[in-house]
Amino acid sequence: MRHKLGRQLSDHSTFLAPVNCFLYLFSKIPNRPYLDTADFPDLSPLQTHWEDIRAEGQHLLRAGEIKRSNQYDDVGFNSFFKTGWKRFYLKWYGDSHPSAMKLCPRTTELVQSIGSIKAAMFAELPPGSRLVRHRDPYAGSYRYHLGLDTPNDAGCYINVDGENYHWRDGEAVIFDETFIHYAENTTEHNRIILFCDIERPMKYRWAAAFNRWFSRTVMAAAGAPNDGGDKTGGINRLFGRIYKFRLRGKALKKRNRKLYYLEKWAILGGLLAVFLLI
């Protein structure tokens, strides 16, 4: 599956394409949408203790902690909140969130004990919610989903590169999030999963070292808080300052779509011209 050219040109995955090509080239696992969980034996403790993880996720849900973010402090998932998706971070390409260590210590302990897990969260997809077609920008990780409290029904599914998978309680799935994917819950039952980013295995140590450096330097800067006691990454701090321009763009798009796209491409063209001149 592919985006239309106009969409892909402005997609964030395009800007990380040079990094991603390097990661694809030296990946130990061939590129394919879904991966075999048996190739990641270090993740087995999560599935072994899935009921413990589910109990903490359900507690967070009842307490209202799995929620939409403030619109200014989560650039990575900001657009998902509009269609019903919610989350509670355990960690994001760095240390665990203090709020997670306090509210779900068992799950945090399990996540911390597995070195390949770079990011983790509880993710909720309520009845009637969906995620639009998208590809994640960074190929340095794979996406792991562990079903915790799900409809166990084909009506609550994720589609990766045209192939459906529906979540089941206690079952794990791993996929490459740089393939176009989308999700939808058409049932009347809520869906809660454990959502993790797993480090992509590389053929060579120096390639793995580059991937880890990029993760802790760039990806960590997109960290978002659950509450005021958690750290906000540099990218999200910057995003909060410029969000007012995004709101202006949304308002313009509603009033005049042609003018919105003319302005958008003029800005992108100007940035490209500056880059080429430098």
Protein backbone atom coordinates (compact mmCIF):
# COMPACT_ATOMS: atom_id res chain seq x y z
CA MET A 1 0.00 0.00 0.00
CA ARG A 2 1.18 3.52 -0.79
CA HIS A 3 0.09 7.06 -0.02
CA LYS A 4 -0.81 9.29 -2.93
CA LEU A 5 2.17 11.37 -4.07
CA GLY A 6 0.83 14.62 -2.64
CA ARG A 7 0.33 13.07 0.78
CA GLN A 8 3.69 11.29 0.80
CA LEU A 9 5.68 14.38 -0.16
CA SER A 10 4.63 16.15 3.02
CA ASP A 11 4.53 13.05 5.25
CA HIS A 12 7.01 12.96 8.12
CA SER A 13 8.27 9.54 6.96
CA THR A 14 9.64 11.24 3.84
CA PHE A 15 11.96 13.44 5.87
CA LEU A 16 13.40 10.43 7.70
CA ALA A 17 13.77 8.39 4.50
CA PRO A 18 17.62 8.65 4.41
CA VAL A 19 17.84 7.27 7.96
CA ASN A 20 15.21 4.62 7.27
CA CYS A 21 16.92 3.40 4.10
CA PHE A 22 20.08 2.81 6.15
CA LEU A 23 18.08 0.88 8.75
CA TYR A 24 16.28 -1.23 6.13
CA LEU A 25 19.58 -2.02 4.40
CA PHE A 26 21.27 -3.38 7.53
CA SER A 27 18.21 -4.90 9.20
CA LYS A 28 18.71 -8.47 10.44
CA ILE A 29 15.06 -9.29 9.68
CA PRO A 30 13.74 -8.98 6.10
CA ASN A 31 11.17 -6.24 5.50
CA ARG A 32 7.62 -7.52 5.81
CA PRO A 33 4.43 -6.17 7.40
CA TYR A 34 3.95 -8.75 10.18
CA LEU A 35 6.74 -10.47 12.07
CA ASP A 36 6.98 -13.75 13.96
CA THR A 37 6.84 -13.22 17.73
CA ALA A 38 9.11 -16.28 18.09
CA ASP A 39 11.95 -14.13 16.71
CA PHE A 40 11.70 -11.95 19.83
CA PRO A 41 11.97 -14.43 22.75
CA ASP A 42 13.02 -11.71 25.19
CA LEU A 43 9.44 -10.35 25.05
CA SER A 44 7.89 -13.59 26.36
CA PRO A 45 7.64 -12.34 30.00
CA LEU A 46 5.04 -9.82 28.85
CA GLN A 47 2.77 -12.54 27.51
CA THR A 48 3.45 -14.77 30.53
CA HIS A 49 2.30 -12.01 32.89
CA TRP A 50 -0.35 -10.48 30.67
CA GLU A 51 -3.07 -10.78 33.34
CA ASP A 52 -0.96 -8.73 35.78
CA ILE A 53 -0.49 -6.11 33.09
CA ARG A 54 -4.21 -6.16 32.28
CA ALA A 55 -5.13 -5.59 35.94
CA GLU A 56 -2.99 -2.44 36.07
CA GLY A 57 -4.36 -1.24 32.73
CA GLN A 58 -7.94 -1.69 33.95
CA HIS A 59 -7.09 0.20 37.14
CA LEU A 60 -5.69 3.08 35.09
CA LEU A 61 -8.82 3.08 32.93
CA ARG A 62 -11.14 3.26 35.95
CA ALA A 63 -9.03 6.09 37.38
CA GLY A 64 -9.27 8.05 34.13
CA GLU A 65 -5.50 7.95 33.56
CA ILE A 66 -5.65 6.50 30.04
CA LYS A 67 -6.63 9.69 28.27
CA ARG A 68 -6.17 12.15 25.47
CA SER A 69 -3.12 14.36 25.72
CA ASN A 70 -3.05 18.11 26.00
CA GLN A 71 -3.06 19.19 22.35
CA TYR A 72 0.23 21.04 22.82
CA ASP A 73 2.49 18.32 24.25
CA ASP A 74 2.27 15.18 22.12
CA VAL A 75 3.38 15.83 18.55
CA GLY A 76 3.82 12.15 17.75
CA PHE A 77 0.20 11.16 18.41
CA ASN A 78 -1.59 14.49 18.39
CA SER A 79 -3.82 13.68 15.41
CA PHE A 80 -4.94 10.33 16.89
CA PHE A 81 -6.82 11.92 19.77
CA LYS A 82 -9.36 13.47 17.39
CA THR A 83 -10.74 10.03 16.47
CA GLY A 84 -10.96 8.61 19.98
CA TRP A 85 -7.57 6.99 20.67
CA LYS A 86 -6.14 7.43 24.21
CA ARG A 87 -2.91 6.48 25.95
CA PHE A 88 -0.88 6.30 29.17
CA TYR A 89 2.90 6.31 28.75
CA LEU A 90 5.17 3.88 30.59
CA LYS A 91 8.36 5.12 28.89
CA TRP A 92 9.45 6.83 25.70
CA TYR A 93 12.97 6.14 24.38
CA GLY A 94 14.49 6.73 27.78
CA ASP A 95 13.73 6.20 31.44
CA SER A 96 10.29 5.20 32.67
CA HIS A 97 7.81 7.97 33.47
CA PRO A 98 7.58 8.70 37.22
CA SER A 99 3.78 8.57 36.96
CA ALA A 100 4.01 5.04 35.53
CA MET A 101 6.32 3.83 38.28
CA LYS A 102 3.79 5.12 40.80
CA LEU A 103 0.53 3.97 39.20
CA CYS A 104 1.49 0.71 37.47
CA PRO A 105 4.69 -0.57 39.13
CA ARG A 106 4.40 -4.20 37.99
CA THR A 107 4.05 -3.36 34.30
CA THR A 108 6.81 -0.78 34.57
CA GLU A 109 9.08 -3.36 36.19
CA LEU A 110 8.41 -5.84 33.39
CA VAL A 111 9.06 -3.23 30.70
CA GLN A 112 12.26 -2.05 32.37
CA SER A 113 13.58 -5.61 32.55
CA ILE A 114 13.56 -6.02 28.74
CA GLY A 115 16.32 -4.01 27.09
CA SER A 116 14.88 -4.12 23.58
CA ILE A 117 11.77 -2.17 24.63
CA LYS A 118 12.42 1.47 23.77
CA ALA A 119 8.92 2.83 24.38
CA ALA A 120 5.74 1.51 25.97
CA MET A 121 2.23 2.62 26.84
CA PHE A 122 -1.28 1.45 27.51
CA ALA A 123 -3.42 2.33 24.49
CA GLU A 124 -7.22 2.48 24.41
CA LEU A 125 -9.47 2.33 21.34
CA PRO A 126 -13.07 2.87 22.54
CA PRO A 127 -16.12 1.67 20.59
CA GLY A 128 -16.54 3.66 17.38
CA SER A 129 -12.94 4.96 17.44
CA ARG A 130 -10.45 4.60 14.63
CA LEU A 131 -6.97 5.51 13.44
CA VAL A 132 -6.63 6.80 9.89
CA ARG A 133 -4.17 5.40 7.35
CA HIS A 134 -0.64 6.41 8.28
CA ARG A 135 2.93 5.18 8.45
CA ASP A 136 5.16 5.92 11.41
CA PRO A 137 8.27 7.90 10.49
CA TYR A 138 11.06 5.86 12.11
CA ALA A 139 12.23 2.41 10.96
CA GLY A 140 14.51 1.82 13.95
CA SER A 141 11.81 -0.03 15.84
CA TYR A 142 9.00 -2.54 15.39
CA ARG A 143 5.58 -2.25 16.99
CA TYR A 144 4.44 -4.80 19.58
CA HIS A 145 0.80 -5.08 20.67
CA LEU A 146 -0.33 -7.32 23.53
CA GLY A 147 -4.09 -7.76 23.84
CA LEU A 148 -5.27 -7.07 27.39
CA ASP A 149 -8.98 -6.27 27.42
CA THR A 150 -10.28 -6.55 23.88
CA PRO A 151 -13.53 -7.39 22.06
CA ASN A 152 -11.86 -10.59 20.76
CA ASP A 153 -13.76 -9.84 17.60
CA ALA A 154 -12.84 -9.23 13.96
CA GLY A 155 -14.72 -5.92 14.17
CA CYS A 156 -11.88 -4.48 16.28
CA TYR A 157 -8.81 -4.74 14.09
CA ILE A 158 -5.62 -3.27 12.70
CA ASN A 159 -4.78 -3.43 9.00
CA VAL A 160 -1.08 -3.45 8.05
CA ASP A 161 -0.27 -3.23 4.33
CA GLY A 162 -3.72 -4.52 3.45
CA GLU A 163 -3.82 -7.45 5.90
CA ASN A 164 -6.19 -7.46 8.91
CA TYR A 165 -5.37 -8.66 12.40
CA HIS A 166 -7.85 -8.48 15.29
CA TRP A 167 -6.65 -8.29 18.87
CA ARG A 168 -7.27 -11.11 21.33
CA ASP A 169 -6.81 -11.16 25.10
CA GLY A 170 -3.36 -12.47 26.04
CA GLU A 171 -2.14 -12.64 22.42
CA ALA A 172 0.76 -10.64 20.99
CA VAL A 173 1.40 -9.36 17.48
CA ILE A 174 4.46 -7.59 16.04
CA PHE A 175 4.44 -5.51 12.87
CA ASP A 176 6.55 -2.99 11.01
CA GLU A 177 4.88 0.37 11.62
CA THR A 178 6.58 1.97 8.60
CA PHE A 179 4.12 0.05 6.42
CA ILE A 180 0.84 1.92 5.98
CA HIS A 181 -1.59 0.83 8.65
CA TYR A 182 -4.90 1.84 10.20
CA ALA A 183 -7.19 0.58 12.96
CA GLU A 184 -10.86 0.63 13.86
CA ASN A 185 -13.14 -0.58 16.64
CA THR A 186 -16.60 -1.17 15.20
CA THR A 187 -17.74 -3.22 18.22
CA GLU A 188 -19.47 -2.12 21.43
CA HIS A 189 -16.57 -3.31 23.61
CA ASN A 190 -13.57 -1.22 24.58
CA ARG A 191 -10.05 -2.25 23.54
CA ILE A 192 -6.98 -1.90 25.77
CA ILE A 193 -3.55 -3.14 24.72
CA LEU A 194 0.05 -2.85 25.82
CA PHE A 195 1.79 -0.97 23.00
CA CYS A 196 5.61 -1.13 22.73
CA ASP A 197 8.34 -0.02 20.35
CA ILE A 198 10.91 -2.80 20.03
CA GLU A 199 14.43 -2.10 18.79
CA ARG A 200 14.95 -3.37 15.24
CA PRO A 201 17.69 -6.06 15.26
CA MET A 202 20.60 -5.04 13.01
CA LYS A 203 23.19 -7.17 11.16
CA TYR A 204 26.20 -5.31 12.54
CA ARG A 205 27.13 -3.78 15.90
CA TRP A 206 28.00 -0.43 14.36
CA ALA A 207 24.59 -0.27 12.67
CA ALA A 208 22.90 -1.13 15.98
CA ALA A 209 25.00 1.55 17.69
CA PHE A 210 23.78 4.16 15.19
CA ASN A 211 20.17 3.08 15.72
CA ARG A 212 20.52 3.42 19.50
CA TRP A 213 22.20 6.80 19.18
CA PHE A 214 19.40 8.07 16.95
CA SER A 215 16.77 6.70 19.34
CA ARG A 216 18.13 8.36 22.44
CA THR A 217 19.01 11.62 20.65
CA VAL A 218 16.10 12.24 18.29
CA MET A 219 13.23 9.94 19.24
CA ALA A 220 13.57 10.72 22.94
CA ALA A 221 12.98 14.39 22.13
CA ALA A 222 9.38 13.49 21.20
CA GLY A 223 8.62 12.31 24.74
CA ALA A 224 5.28 13.42 26.19
CA PRO A 225 4.05 13.46 29.80
CA ASN A 226 1.13 11.76 31.51
CA ASP A 227 1.04 14.54 34.10
CA GLY A 228 3.07 17.48 35.35
CA GLY A 229 5.64 15.27 37.06
CA ASP A 230 6.80 13.67 33.80
CA LYS A 231 9.40 15.04 31.40
CA THR A 232 8.43 16.69 28.12
CA GLY A 233 10.91 16.23 25.24
CA GLY A 234 12.45 19.12 23.32
CA ILE A 235 10.44 18.46 20.15
CA ASN A 236 7.20 18.60 22.10
CA ARG A 237 8.25 21.77 23.91
CA LEU A 238 8.89 23.37 20.52
CA PHE A 239 5.63 21.96 19.18
CA GLY A 240 3.74 23.66 22.00
CA ARG A 241 5.16 27.02 20.95
CA ILE A 242 4.26 26.69 17.28
CA TYR A 243 0.91 24.96 17.70
CA LYS A 244 -0.93 28.24 17.24
CA PHE A 245 0.27 28.28 13.61
CA ARG A 246 -1.20 24.81 13.13
CA LEU A 247 -4.52 26.00 14.55
CA ARG A 248 -4.44 28.90 12.08
CA GLY A 249 -3.82 26.43 9.24
CA LYS A 250 -6.75 24.26 10.32
CA ALA A 251 -9.03 27.30 10.39
CA LEU A 252 -7.83 28.36 6.93
CA LYS A 253 -8.41 24.85 5.55
CA LYS A 254 -12.03 24.98 6.70
CA ARG A 255 -12.56 28.39 5.07
CA ASN A 256 -10.60 27.93 1.83
CA ARG A 257 -8.95 24.58 1.01
CA LYS A 258 -7.29 25.89 -2.18
CA LEU A 259 -5.65 28.78 -0.33
CA TYR A 260 -4.59 26.42 2.47
CA TYR A 261 -2.78 24.06 0.09
CA LEU A 262 -1.27 26.95 -1.86
CA GLU A 263 0.18 28.36 1.34
CA LYS A 264 1.30 24.91 2.54
CA TRP A 265 3.23 24.12 -0.64
CA ALA A 266 4.69 27.63 -0.77
CA ILE A 267 6.12 27.16 2.72
CA LEU A 268 7.47 23.68 1.92
CA GLY A 269 8.95 24.96 -1.33
CA GLY A 270 10.62 27.82 0.51
CA LEU A 271 12.13 25.47 3.09
CA LEU A 272 13.41 23.19 0.30
CA ALA A 273 14.95 26.17 -1.50
CA VAL A 274 16.72 27.28 1.68
CA PHE A 275 18.01 23.74 2.23
CA LEU A 276 19.36 23.49 -1.33
CA LEU A 277 21.06 26.88 -1.06
CA ILE A 278 22.76 25.88 2.18
